[in-house]
Amino acid sequence: MRNFLKNLLTDDEMKILGFLVFLGLLGLGIKFTGLTATNESEVVDSLNFEQNYEIKYDLNTVSPKELITIKGIGEKKAEDIISYRKEFGFSSKHDLKKIKGIGESTYNKIKDNFYDFESDSLIANDQKILLRKEKNITSESSKININSAAAEDLITLKGIGPKRAELILELRKQIGQFNNIEQLLEIKGIGPKTLENIKDRIYVGEP
């Protein structure tokens, strides 16, 4: 083989060919040793980053498409979550357990995919809130006076989240005071069903 190449190539060309072969072998050696290990390390680091990176959603703004990307939530549960939000709104991610088909087990699987609400601590301490001796809550009935209640009191009502609580306060400011609880129906998002759920916990008293 060497004699064959010598007949075809000059001595200088043979040297160049030998040099190119050497570079090729060197490149293959590097590829299958150091650099390959580095690349594999980079791939592992990338996978670990993706696994450790958590995407969290706001229950009051998350879309159906985003919901179905969460393990444990299919199209049906996503629709049920959106329907609940339209009717009641979320004041805590614990409200998910009020939706049919989402029990304690499912809730524990999906809860970390959602942000905690600032009102979560208020909901957890609901009994303390109801027992506060203020003019907007009577000690006997634990009912909320919607003419003097603060937002943190209103969000303890079923179906009244932070947004609806603010809308109640805005309407009260506009009209001066509520004369009857039916005036709450003027607020977007509060329908007859929501009013039915909270009517036993509210009353119209002096501001």
N, C-alpha and C. Protein backbone atom coordinates (compact mmCIF):
# COMPACT_ATOMS: atom_id res chain seq x y z
N MET A 1 0.83 -1.21 0.00
CA MET A 1 0.00 0.00 0.00
C MET A 1 0.86 1.26 0.00
N ARG A 2 1.92 1.19 0.83
CA ARG A 2 2.83 2.35 0.92
C ARG A 2 3.52 2.59 -0.42
N ASN A 3 3.98 1.46 -1.07
CA ASN A 3 4.65 1.59 -2.37
C ASN A 3 3.68 2.13 -3.43
N PHE A 4 2.42 1.68 -3.31
CA PHE A 4 1.40 2.15 -4.27
C PHE A 4 1.20 3.65 -4.17
N LEU A 5 1.10 4.14 -2.90
CA LEU A 5 0.92 5.58 -2.69
C LEU A 5 2.16 6.35 -3.11
N LYS A 6 3.34 5.73 -2.89
CA LYS A 6 4.60 6.42 -3.24
C LYS A 6 4.70 6.64 -4.75
N ASN A 7 4.14 5.68 -5.50
CA ASN A 7 4.14 5.82 -6.96
C ASN A 7 3.20 6.93 -7.42
N LEU A 8 2.13 7.20 -6.61
CA LEU A 8 1.13 8.21 -6.99
C LEU A 8 1.46 9.59 -6.45
N LEU A 9 2.08 9.66 -5.26
CA LEU A 9 2.31 10.94 -4.59
C LEU A 9 3.79 11.23 -4.43
N THR A 10 4.08 12.50 -4.36
CA THR A 10 5.46 12.92 -4.10
C THR A 10 5.72 12.80 -2.60
N ASP A 11 6.98 12.98 -2.20
CA ASP A 11 7.32 12.90 -0.78
C ASP A 11 6.59 13.96 0.03
N ASP A 12 6.50 15.17 -0.51
CA ASP A 12 5.80 16.25 0.20
C ASP A 12 4.32 15.93 0.36
N GLU A 13 3.72 15.38 -0.69
CA GLU A 13 2.30 15.04 -0.63
C GLU A 13 2.06 13.91 0.38
N MET A 14 3.03 12.97 0.46
CA MET A 14 2.92 11.90 1.44
C MET A 14 2.94 12.45 2.87
N LYS A 15 3.81 13.44 3.10
CA LYS A 15 3.89 14.06 4.42
C LYS A 15 2.57 14.75 4.79
N ILE A 16 2.03 15.47 3.79
CA ILE A 16 0.75 16.18 4.03
C ILE A 16 -0.36 15.18 4.35
N LEU A 17 -0.40 14.08 3.58
CA LEU A 17 -1.41 13.05 3.81
C LEU A 17 -1.26 12.44 5.20
N GLY A 18 -0.03 12.17 5.58
CA GLY A 18 0.23 11.61 6.90
C GLY A 18 -0.21 12.56 8.01
N PHE A 19 0.02 13.86 7.80
CA PHE A 19 -0.38 14.88 8.78
C PHE A 19 -1.90 14.94 8.91
N LEU A 20 -2.60 14.87 7.78
CA LEU A 20 -4.07 14.91 7.79
C LEU A 20 -4.65 13.68 8.50
N VAL A 21 -4.03 12.52 8.24
CA VAL A 21 -4.49 11.31 8.92
C VAL A 21 -4.30 11.44 10.43
N PHE A 22 -3.15 12.03 10.83
CA PHE A 22 -2.88 12.23 12.25
C PHE A 22 -3.94 13.14 12.89
N LEU A 23 -4.28 14.24 12.20
CA LEU A 23 -5.30 15.16 12.72
C LEU A 23 -6.64 14.47 12.85
N GLY A 24 -6.97 13.63 11.85
CA GLY A 24 -8.24 12.92 11.90
C GLY A 24 -8.32 11.98 13.08
N LEU A 25 -7.25 11.24 13.34
CA LEU A 25 -7.23 10.32 14.48
C LEU A 25 -7.29 11.08 15.80
N LEU A 26 -6.59 12.22 15.84
CA LEU A 26 -6.61 13.05 17.06
C LEU A 26 -8.02 13.56 17.35
N GLY A 27 -8.72 14.00 16.28
CA GLY A 27 -10.09 14.49 16.45
C GLY A 27 -11.02 13.42 16.96
N LEU A 28 -10.88 12.20 16.42
CA LEU A 28 -11.71 11.10 16.88
C LEU A 28 -11.44 10.77 18.34
N GLY A 29 -10.17 10.83 18.74
CA GLY A 29 -9.80 10.55 20.12
C GLY A 29 -10.42 11.55 21.08
N ILE A 30 -10.39 12.82 20.70
CA ILE A 30 -10.96 13.88 21.55
C ILE A 30 -12.47 13.71 21.65
N LYS A 31 -13.09 13.40 20.52
CA LYS A 31 -14.56 13.28 20.49
C LYS A 31 -15.06 12.20 21.44
N PHE A 32 -14.36 11.08 21.46
CA PHE A 32 -14.84 9.95 22.26
C PHE A 32 -14.28 9.91 23.66
N THR A 33 -13.61 11.00 24.08
CA THR A 33 -13.10 11.06 25.46
C THR A 33 -13.64 12.29 26.17
N GLY A 34 -12.86 13.33 26.19
CA GLY A 34 -13.20 14.53 26.97
C GLY A 34 -14.47 15.22 26.54
N LEU A 35 -14.60 15.55 25.25
CA LEU A 35 -15.73 16.36 24.80
C LEU A 35 -17.04 15.61 24.93
N THR A 36 -17.02 14.33 24.69
CA THR A 36 -18.26 13.55 24.80
C THR A 36 -18.77 13.59 26.23
N ALA A 37 -17.86 13.47 27.18
CA ALA A 37 -18.25 13.51 28.59
C ALA A 37 -18.83 14.87 28.94
N THR A 38 -18.22 15.93 28.42
CA THR A 38 -18.71 17.28 28.69
C THR A 38 -20.11 17.48 28.15
N ASN A 39 -20.32 17.01 26.91
CA ASN A 39 -21.64 17.17 26.30
C ASN A 39 -22.70 16.40 27.08
N GLU A 40 -22.35 15.18 27.52
CA GLU A 40 -23.30 14.41 28.29
C GLU A 40 -23.64 15.11 29.60
N SER A 41 -22.62 15.72 30.21
CA SER A 41 -22.84 16.45 31.44
C SER A 41 -23.79 17.62 31.22
N GLU A 42 -23.59 18.31 30.09
CA GLU A 42 -24.45 19.45 29.78
C GLU A 42 -25.89 19.00 29.57
N VAL A 43 -26.07 17.85 28.93
CA VAL A 43 -27.43 17.33 28.70
C VAL A 43 -28.10 17.00 30.02
N VAL A 44 -27.34 16.35 30.93
CA VAL A 44 -27.88 16.00 32.24
C VAL A 44 -28.27 17.25 33.01
N ASP A 45 -27.38 18.27 32.99
CA ASP A 45 -27.67 19.53 33.68
C ASP A 45 -28.94 20.16 33.12
N SER A 46 -29.10 20.10 31.80
CA SER A 46 -30.27 20.69 31.16
C SER A 46 -31.54 19.97 31.59
N LEU A 47 -31.47 18.63 31.67
CA LEU A 47 -32.63 17.86 32.09
C LEU A 47 -32.98 18.14 33.54
N ASN A 48 -31.93 18.24 34.37
CA ASN A 48 -32.18 18.55 35.78
C ASN A 48 -32.82 19.90 35.94
N PHE A 49 -32.41 20.89 35.12
CA PHE A 49 -32.99 22.23 35.18
C PHE A 49 -34.47 22.17 34.84
N GLU A 50 -34.80 21.40 33.77
CA GLU A 50 -36.20 21.32 33.36
C GLU A 50 -37.05 20.65 34.44
N GLN A 51 -36.46 19.65 35.12
CA GLN A 51 -37.21 18.96 36.14
C GLN A 51 -37.41 19.83 37.37
N ASN A 52 -36.39 20.65 37.70
CA ASN A 52 -36.47 21.48 38.89
C ASN A 52 -37.26 22.76 38.68
N TYR A 53 -37.44 23.16 37.43
CA TYR A 53 -38.13 24.41 37.14
C TYR A 53 -39.63 24.18 37.22
N GLU A 54 -40.28 24.91 38.08
CA GLU A 54 -41.72 24.74 38.28
C GLU A 54 -42.48 25.91 37.69
N ILE A 55 -43.52 25.58 36.93
CA ILE A 55 -44.40 26.61 36.39
C ILE A 55 -45.65 26.63 37.26
N LYS A 56 -45.95 27.79 37.81
CA LYS A 56 -47.14 27.92 38.64
C LYS A 56 -48.14 28.86 37.97
N TYR A 57 -49.41 28.57 38.20
CA TYR A 57 -50.47 29.35 37.56
C TYR A 57 -51.36 30.00 38.62
N ASP A 58 -52.00 31.11 38.20
CA ASP A 58 -52.98 31.79 39.03
C ASP A 58 -54.34 31.20 38.68
N LEU A 59 -55.04 30.65 39.65
CA LEU A 59 -56.33 30.00 39.39
C LEU A 59 -57.37 30.95 38.81
N ASN A 60 -57.22 32.23 39.05
CA ASN A 60 -58.20 33.19 38.54
C ASN A 60 -57.87 33.71 37.15
N THR A 61 -56.73 33.25 36.57
CA THR A 61 -56.38 33.70 35.22
C THR A 61 -55.92 32.55 34.32
N VAL A 62 -55.64 31.38 34.87
CA VAL A 62 -55.13 30.27 34.08
C VAL A 62 -56.12 29.87 32.99
N SER A 63 -55.59 29.52 31.82
CA SER A 63 -56.44 29.15 30.68
C SER A 63 -56.67 27.64 30.65
N PRO A 64 -57.72 27.19 29.94
CA PRO A 64 -57.98 25.74 29.82
C PRO A 64 -56.78 24.99 29.23
N LYS A 65 -56.11 25.58 28.23
CA LYS A 65 -54.96 24.93 27.60
C LYS A 65 -53.83 24.72 28.60
N GLU A 66 -53.65 25.70 29.48
CA GLU A 66 -52.60 25.58 30.50
C GLU A 66 -52.97 24.53 31.54
N LEU A 67 -54.26 24.47 31.88
CA LEU A 67 -54.71 23.51 32.89
C LEU A 67 -54.48 22.07 32.46
N ILE A 68 -54.74 21.76 31.18
CA ILE A 68 -54.61 20.37 30.74
C ILE A 68 -53.16 19.92 30.61
N THR A 69 -52.21 20.85 30.76
CA THR A 69 -50.80 20.46 30.76
C THR A 69 -50.38 19.94 32.13
N ILE A 70 -51.24 20.14 33.13
CA ILE A 70 -50.93 19.71 34.49
C ILE A 70 -51.34 18.24 34.66
N LYS A 71 -50.43 17.44 35.15
CA LYS A 71 -50.70 16.02 35.36
C LYS A 71 -51.81 15.86 36.39
N GLY A 72 -52.86 15.15 36.01
CA GLY A 72 -53.99 14.95 36.91
C GLY A 72 -55.20 15.77 36.53
N ILE A 73 -55.01 16.70 35.56
CA ILE A 73 -56.12 17.52 35.08
C ILE A 73 -56.33 17.26 33.59
N GLY A 74 -57.43 16.64 33.26
CA GLY A 74 -57.77 16.42 31.86
C GLY A 74 -58.68 17.52 31.36
N GLU A 75 -59.22 17.34 30.18
CA GLU A 75 -60.10 18.36 29.59
C GLU A 75 -61.35 18.59 30.44
N LYS A 76 -61.92 17.49 30.97
CA LYS A 76 -63.15 17.62 31.77
C LYS A 76 -62.90 18.41 33.04
N LYS A 77 -61.85 18.06 33.76
CA LYS A 77 -61.55 18.79 35.00
C LYS A 77 -61.20 20.24 34.71
N ALA A 78 -60.51 20.47 33.60
CA ALA A 78 -60.16 21.85 33.22
C ALA A 78 -61.44 22.66 32.99
N GLU A 79 -62.42 22.07 32.32
CA GLU A 79 -63.70 22.75 32.08
C GLU A 79 -64.42 23.02 33.40
N ASP A 80 -64.37 22.04 34.32
CA ASP A 80 -65.04 22.21 35.61
C ASP A 80 -64.39 23.33 36.43
N ILE A 81 -63.06 23.43 36.35
CA ILE A 81 -62.34 24.49 37.08
C ILE A 81 -62.72 25.86 36.52
N ILE A 82 -62.77 25.97 35.20
CA ILE A 82 -63.14 27.25 34.57
C ILE A 82 -64.58 27.61 34.91
N SER A 83 -65.48 26.62 34.91
CA SER A 83 -66.89 26.87 35.23
C SER A 83 -67.04 27.35 36.66
N TYR A 84 -66.29 26.73 37.58
CA TYR A 84 -66.34 27.14 38.98
C TYR A 84 -65.84 28.58 39.13
N ARG A 85 -64.78 28.88 38.41
CA ARG A 85 -64.21 30.24 38.49
C ARG A 85 -65.20 31.29 38.00
N LYS A 86 -65.91 30.99 36.91
CA LYS A 86 -66.88 31.94 36.36
C LYS A 86 -68.03 32.18 37.34
N GLU A 87 -68.41 31.13 38.05
CA GLU A 87 -69.57 31.26 38.95
C GLU A 87 -69.21 31.79 40.32
N PHE A 88 -68.06 31.35 40.85
CA PHE A 88 -67.73 31.72 42.23
C PHE A 88 -66.44 32.52 42.37
N GLY A 89 -65.47 32.24 41.49
CA GLY A 89 -64.15 32.83 41.68
C GLY A 89 -63.37 32.04 42.73
N PHE A 90 -62.06 32.12 42.69
CA PHE A 90 -61.23 31.41 43.66
C PHE A 90 -60.68 32.39 44.68
N SER A 91 -60.90 32.09 45.94
CA SER A 91 -60.32 32.91 47.00
C SER A 91 -59.16 32.16 47.66
N SER A 92 -59.03 30.89 47.33
CA SER A 92 -57.96 30.05 47.85
C SER A 92 -57.83 28.85 46.94
N LYS A 93 -56.62 28.30 46.83
CA LYS A 93 -56.49 27.10 45.99
C LYS A 93 -57.17 25.90 46.65
N HIS A 94 -57.50 26.02 47.94
CA HIS A 94 -58.26 24.96 48.61
C HIS A 94 -59.66 24.82 48.01
N ASP A 95 -60.13 25.88 47.32
CA ASP A 95 -61.45 25.83 46.69
C ASP A 95 -61.52 24.75 45.62
N LEU A 96 -60.37 24.30 45.13
CA LEU A 96 -60.36 23.24 44.12
C LEU A 96 -61.08 21.99 44.63
N LYS A 97 -61.00 21.75 45.94
CA LYS A 97 -61.63 20.56 46.52
C LYS A 97 -63.15 20.65 46.53
N LYS A 98 -63.68 21.84 46.23
CA LYS A 98 -65.14 22.00 46.15
C LYS A 98 -65.68 21.56 44.79
N ILE A 99 -64.76 21.30 43.85
CA ILE A 99 -65.16 20.92 42.50
C ILE A 99 -65.33 19.40 42.43
N LYS A 100 -66.43 18.98 41.85
CA LYS A 100 -66.73 17.55 41.73
C LYS A 100 -65.62 16.85 40.95
N GLY A 101 -65.13 15.75 41.50
CA GLY A 101 -64.08 14.99 40.84
C GLY A 101 -62.68 15.32 41.34
N ILE A 102 -62.57 16.37 42.17
CA ILE A 102 -61.26 16.71 42.75
C ILE A 102 -61.31 16.45 44.25
N GLY A 103 -60.83 15.27 44.62
CA GLY A 103 -60.79 14.91 46.03
C GLY A 103 -59.45 15.25 46.63
N GLU A 104 -59.24 14.77 47.84
CA GLU A 104 -58.00 15.09 48.56
C GLU A 104 -56.77 14.58 47.82
N SER A 105 -56.89 13.36 47.25
CA SER A 105 -55.76 12.76 46.55
C SER A 105 -55.38 13.57 45.30
N THR A 106 -56.39 13.91 44.49
CA THR A 106 -56.12 14.70 43.28
C THR A 106 -55.61 16.09 43.64
N TYR A 107 -56.20 16.67 44.68
CA TYR A 107 -55.78 18.01 45.10
C TYR A 107 -54.31 18.02 45.50
N ASN A 108 -53.88 17.00 46.23
CA ASN A 108 -52.47 16.94 46.66
C ASN A 108 -51.52 16.80 45.47
N LYS A 109 -52.00 16.19 44.38
CA LYS A 109 -51.16 16.02 43.19
C LYS A 109 -51.00 17.32 42.40
N ILE A 110 -52.05 18.14 42.41
CA ILE A 110 -52.04 19.33 41.54
C ILE A 110 -51.83 20.65 42.27
N LYS A 111 -51.91 20.66 43.59
CA LYS A 111 -51.90 21.92 44.33
C LYS A 111 -50.63 22.74 44.14
N ASP A 112 -49.49 22.05 43.96
CA ASP A 112 -48.22 22.78 43.84
C ASP A 112 -48.08 23.48 42.50
N ASN A 113 -49.02 23.25 41.58
CA ASN A 113 -48.98 23.91 40.28
C ASN A 113 -49.64 25.29 40.31
N PHE A 114 -50.17 25.67 41.47
CA PHE A 114 -50.89 26.94 41.57
C PHE A 114 -50.30 27.82 42.68
N TYR A 115 -50.39 29.14 42.46
CA TYR A 115 -49.89 30.09 43.45
C TYR A 115 -50.77 30.04 44.70
N ASP A 116 -50.15 30.31 45.84
CA ASP A 116 -50.92 30.50 47.06
C ASP A 116 -51.57 31.88 47.01
N PHE A 117 -52.75 31.97 47.56
CA PHE A 117 -53.44 33.26 47.63
C PHE A 117 -53.05 33.96 48.92
N GLU A 118 -53.05 35.29 48.85
CA GLU A 118 -52.75 36.05 50.07
C GLU A 118 -53.82 35.78 51.12
N SER A 119 -55.00 35.40 50.65
CA SER A 119 -56.11 35.18 51.58
C SER A 119 -56.12 33.77 52.15
N ASP A 120 -55.18 32.90 51.72
CA ASP A 120 -55.16 31.53 52.22
C ASP A 120 -55.08 31.50 53.74
N SER A 121 -54.24 32.36 54.29
CA SER A 121 -54.08 32.37 55.74
C SER A 121 -55.37 32.82 56.42
N LEU A 122 -56.12 33.71 55.73
CA LEU A 122 -57.39 34.16 56.29
C LEU A 122 -58.41 33.04 56.28
N ILE A 123 -58.40 32.27 55.19
CA ILE A 123 -59.33 31.16 55.09
C ILE A 123 -59.01 30.12 56.15
N ALA A 124 -57.71 29.85 56.34
CA ALA A 124 -57.30 28.86 57.32
C ALA A 124 -57.71 29.28 58.73
N ASN A 125 -57.77 30.60 58.95
CA ASN A 125 -58.14 31.12 60.26
C ASN A 125 -59.55 31.68 60.25
N ASP A 126 -60.42 31.04 59.50
CA ASP A 126 -61.79 31.54 59.32
C ASP A 126 -62.52 31.71 60.65
N GLN A 127 -62.30 30.76 61.57
CA GLN A 127 -62.99 30.84 62.85
C GLN A 127 -62.58 32.09 63.63
N LYS A 128 -61.29 32.43 63.57
CA LYS A 128 -60.82 33.62 64.27
C LYS A 128 -61.44 34.88 63.68
N ILE A 129 -61.57 34.90 62.35
CA ILE A 129 -62.14 36.07 61.69
C ILE A 129 -63.61 36.24 62.08
N LEU A 130 -64.34 35.12 62.11
CA LEU A 130 -65.76 35.18 62.42
C LEU A 130 -66.02 35.59 63.86
N LEU A 131 -65.04 35.36 64.73
CA LEU A 131 -65.24 35.67 66.13
C LEU A 131 -64.75 37.07 66.52
N ARG A 132 -64.23 37.81 65.52
CA ARG A 132 -63.76 39.17 65.85
C ARG A 132 -64.93 40.03 66.30
N LYS A 133 -64.73 40.76 67.37
CA LYS A 133 -65.80 41.60 67.89
C LYS A 133 -65.72 42.98 67.27
N GLU A 134 -66.23 43.07 66.04
CA GLU A 134 -66.26 44.34 65.35
C GLU A 134 -67.70 44.61 64.95
N LYS A 135 -67.99 45.84 64.57
CA LYS A 135 -69.36 46.20 64.26
C LYS A 135 -69.89 45.53 63.01
N ASN A 136 -69.00 45.04 62.15
CA ASN A 136 -69.48 44.40 60.93
C ASN A 136 -69.78 42.92 61.14
N ILE A 137 -69.47 42.37 62.33
CA ILE A 137 -69.79 40.98 62.63
C ILE A 137 -70.44 40.92 64.00
N THR A 138 -71.61 40.34 64.08
CA THR A 138 -72.28 40.25 65.38
C THR A 138 -71.77 39.02 66.11
N SER A 139 -71.58 39.11 67.40
CA SER A 139 -71.05 38.00 68.17
C SER A 139 -72.05 36.86 68.27
N GLU A 140 -73.33 37.15 68.13
CA GLU A 140 -74.36 36.13 68.28
C GLU A 140 -74.52 35.28 67.02
N SER A 141 -74.57 35.89 65.89
CA SER A 141 -74.87 35.16 64.66
C SER A 141 -73.68 34.99 63.73
N SER A 142 -72.58 35.70 63.98
CA SER A 142 -71.40 35.65 63.11
C SER A 142 -71.74 36.06 61.68
N LYS A 143 -72.73 36.91 61.52
CA LYS A 143 -73.08 37.40 60.19
C LYS A 143 -72.28 38.66 59.87
N ILE A 144 -72.05 38.86 58.59
CA ILE A 144 -71.25 40.00 58.14
C ILE A 144 -72.16 41.13 57.69
N ASN A 145 -71.91 42.28 58.24
CA ASN A 145 -72.65 43.48 57.83
C ASN A 145 -72.01 44.02 56.56
N ILE A 146 -72.69 43.90 55.44
CA ILE A 146 -72.09 44.30 54.16
C ILE A 146 -71.95 45.81 54.02
N ASN A 147 -72.50 46.56 54.97
CA ASN A 147 -72.35 48.01 54.93
C ASN A 147 -71.10 48.49 55.66
N SER A 148 -70.43 47.59 56.35
CA SER A 148 -69.22 48.00 57.07
C SER A 148 -68.09 46.97 56.94
N ALA A 149 -68.36 45.86 56.25
CA ALA A 149 -67.35 44.81 56.14
C ALA A 149 -66.14 45.26 55.34
N ALA A 150 -64.99 44.75 55.71
CA ALA A 150 -63.76 44.98 54.96
C ALA A 150 -63.58 43.84 53.96
N ALA A 151 -62.67 44.02 53.02
CA ALA A 151 -62.45 43.01 51.99
C ALA A 151 -62.07 41.67 52.60
N GLU A 152 -61.24 41.68 53.66
CA GLU A 152 -60.80 40.41 54.25
C GLU A 152 -61.95 39.65 54.91
N ASP A 153 -63.03 40.37 55.28
CA ASP A 153 -64.20 39.69 55.83
C ASP A 153 -65.07 39.12 54.70
N LEU A 154 -65.19 39.88 53.64
CA LEU A 154 -66.04 39.45 52.52
C LEU A 154 -65.51 38.20 51.84
N ILE A 155 -64.19 38.04 51.78
CA ILE A 155 -63.63 36.87 51.08
C ILE A 155 -63.81 35.58 51.86
N THR A 156 -64.33 35.66 53.09
CA THR A 156 -64.65 34.43 53.82
C THR A 156 -65.98 33.86 53.37
N LEU A 157 -66.72 34.62 52.57
CA LEU A 157 -68.01 34.15 52.05
C LEU A 157 -67.78 33.23 50.86
N LYS A 158 -68.55 32.19 50.77
CA LYS A 158 -68.43 31.23 49.68
C LYS A 158 -68.68 31.90 48.33
N GLY A 159 -67.71 31.77 47.44
CA GLY A 159 -67.87 32.33 46.10
C GLY A 159 -67.43 33.77 45.96
N ILE A 160 -66.98 34.37 47.07
CA ILE A 160 -66.52 35.76 47.01
C ILE A 160 -65.00 35.78 47.17
N GLY A 161 -64.32 36.00 46.05
CA GLY A 161 -62.87 36.09 46.08
C GLY A 161 -62.43 37.54 46.23
N PRO A 162 -61.14 37.80 46.19
CA PRO A 162 -60.62 39.16 46.35
C PRO A 162 -61.21 40.15 45.34
N LYS A 163 -61.37 39.70 44.09
CA LYS A 163 -61.88 40.60 43.05
C LYS A 163 -63.32 41.00 43.33
N ARG A 164 -64.17 40.02 43.67
CA ARG A 164 -65.58 40.34 43.94
C ARG A 164 -65.74 41.14 45.22
N ALA A 165 -64.86 40.89 46.17
CA ALA A 165 -64.90 41.68 47.40
C ALA A 165 -64.65 43.15 47.10
N GLU A 166 -63.69 43.41 46.22
CA GLU A 166 -63.39 44.79 45.83
C GLU A 166 -64.58 45.42 45.09
N LEU A 167 -65.26 44.62 44.26
CA LEU A 167 -66.42 45.13 43.52
C LEU A 167 -67.56 45.49 44.48
N ILE A 168 -67.72 44.70 45.54
CA ILE A 168 -68.75 45.00 46.55
C ILE A 168 -68.43 46.33 47.24
N LEU A 169 -67.17 46.52 47.58
CA LEU A 169 -66.76 47.76 48.24
C LEU A 169 -66.94 48.97 47.31
N GLU A 170 -66.65 48.76 46.02
CA GLU A 170 -66.81 49.85 45.05
C GLU A 170 -68.28 50.24 44.91
N LEU A 171 -69.17 49.23 44.82
CA LEU A 171 -70.60 49.52 44.68
C LEU A 171 -71.11 50.22 45.94
N ARG A 172 -70.68 49.76 47.10
CA ARG A 172 -71.10 50.39 48.36
C ARG A 172 -70.69 51.85 48.41
N LYS A 173 -69.49 52.12 47.91
CA LYS A 173 -69.01 53.50 47.89
C LYS A 173 -69.84 54.36 46.95
N GLN A 174 -70.24 53.78 45.82
CA GLN A 174 -71.03 54.53 44.83
C GLN A 174 -72.43 54.86 45.33
N ILE A 175 -73.09 53.88 45.99
CA ILE A 175 -74.49 54.09 46.39
C ILE A 175 -74.62 54.59 47.82
N GLY A 176 -73.52 54.66 48.54
CA GLY A 176 -73.57 55.14 49.92
C GLY A 176 -73.68 54.02 50.92
N GLN A 177 -74.70 53.17 50.74
CA GLN A 177 -74.87 52.00 51.58
C GLN A 177 -75.89 51.07 50.93
N PHE A 178 -75.85 49.81 51.33
CA PHE A 178 -76.81 48.83 50.82
C PHE A 178 -78.10 48.91 51.64
N ASN A 179 -79.23 48.86 50.94
CA ASN A 179 -80.51 48.85 51.62
C ASN A 179 -81.06 47.43 51.75
N ASN A 180 -80.59 46.54 50.88
CA ASN A 180 -80.98 45.13 50.95
C ASN A 180 -79.90 44.29 50.27
N ILE A 181 -79.84 43.02 50.60
CA ILE A 181 -78.77 42.16 50.08
C ILE A 181 -78.94 41.88 48.59
N GLU A 182 -80.15 42.05 48.07
CA GLU A 182 -80.39 41.81 46.64
C GLU A 182 -79.62 42.77 45.75
N GLN A 183 -79.18 43.89 46.31
CA GLN A 183 -78.40 44.85 45.53
C GLN A 183 -77.05 44.27 45.10
N LEU A 184 -76.63 43.21 45.76
CA LEU A 184 -75.38 42.55 45.38
C LEU A 184 -75.48 41.93 43.99
N LEU A 185 -76.70 41.67 43.53
CA LEU A 185 -76.90 41.09 42.20
C LEU A 185 -76.49 42.06 41.09
N GLU A 186 -76.32 43.32 41.44
CA GLU A 186 -75.89 44.31 40.45
C GLU A 186 -74.40 44.14 40.11
N ILE A 187 -73.72 43.37 40.92
CA ILE A 187 -72.28 43.18 40.72
C ILE A 187 -72.03 42.03 39.75
N LYS A 188 -71.18 42.30 38.77
CA LYS A 188 -70.85 41.29 37.77
C LYS A 188 -70.20 40.08 38.44
N GLY A 189 -70.74 38.90 38.15
CA GLY A 189 -70.19 37.68 38.71
C GLY A 189 -70.95 37.17 39.92
N ILE A 190 -71.85 38.00 40.46
CA ILE A 190 -72.69 37.56 41.59
C ILE A 190 -74.11 37.35 41.07
N GLY A 191 -74.49 36.10 40.93
CA GLY A 191 -75.81 35.75 40.44
C GLY A 191 -76.68 35.23 41.56
N PRO A 192 -77.90 34.83 41.24
CA PRO A 192 -78.83 34.31 42.26
C PRO A 192 -78.27 33.15 43.06
N LYS A 193 -77.51 32.27 42.38
CA LYS A 193 -76.96 31.10 43.08
C LYS A 193 -75.93 31.51 44.12
N THR A 194 -75.06 32.45 43.74
CA THR A 194 -74.05 32.93 44.69
C THR A 194 -74.71 33.62 45.87
N LEU A 195 -75.72 34.43 45.58
CA LEU A 195 -76.44 35.14 46.65
C LEU A 195 -77.12 34.15 47.58
N GLU A 196 -77.68 33.08 47.00
CA GLU A 196 -78.35 32.05 47.81
C GLU A 196 -77.35 31.40 48.77
N ASN A 197 -76.11 31.22 48.28
CA ASN A 197 -75.08 30.56 49.10
C ASN A 197 -74.60 31.42 50.27
N ILE A 198 -74.71 32.74 50.12
CA ILE A 198 -74.15 33.62 51.16
C ILE A 198 -75.19 34.38 51.98
N LYS A 199 -76.45 34.30 51.58
CA LYS A 199 -77.47 35.15 52.22
C LYS A 199 -77.61 34.91 53.72
N ASP A 200 -77.32 33.68 54.16
CA ASP A 200 -77.44 33.38 55.59
C ASP A 200 -76.25 33.88 56.40
N ARG A 201 -75.24 34.38 55.70
CA ARG A 201 -74.05 34.86 56.40
C ARG A 201 -73.87 36.38 56.32
N ILE A 202 -74.84 37.05 55.68
CA ILE A 202 -74.71 38.52 55.56
C ILE A 202 -76.00 39.20 56.01
N TYR A 203 -75.86 40.45 56.33
CA TYR A 203 -77.05 41.24 56.67
C TYR A 203 -76.75 42.71 56.38
N VAL A 204 -77.81 43.50 56.29
CA VAL A 204 -77.67 44.93 56.04
C VAL A 204 -77.87 45.67 57.37
N GLY A 205 -76.79 46.26 57.84
CA GLY A 205 -76.86 47.00 59.09
C GLY A 205 -76.37 48.43 58.90
N GLU A 206 -76.19 49.12 59.98
CA GLU A 206 -75.70 50.50 59.91
C GLU A 206 -74.23 50.48 59.50
N PRO A 207 -73.82 51.44 58.66
CA PRO A 207 -72.40 51.53 58.21
C PRO A 207 -71.47 51.70 59.41
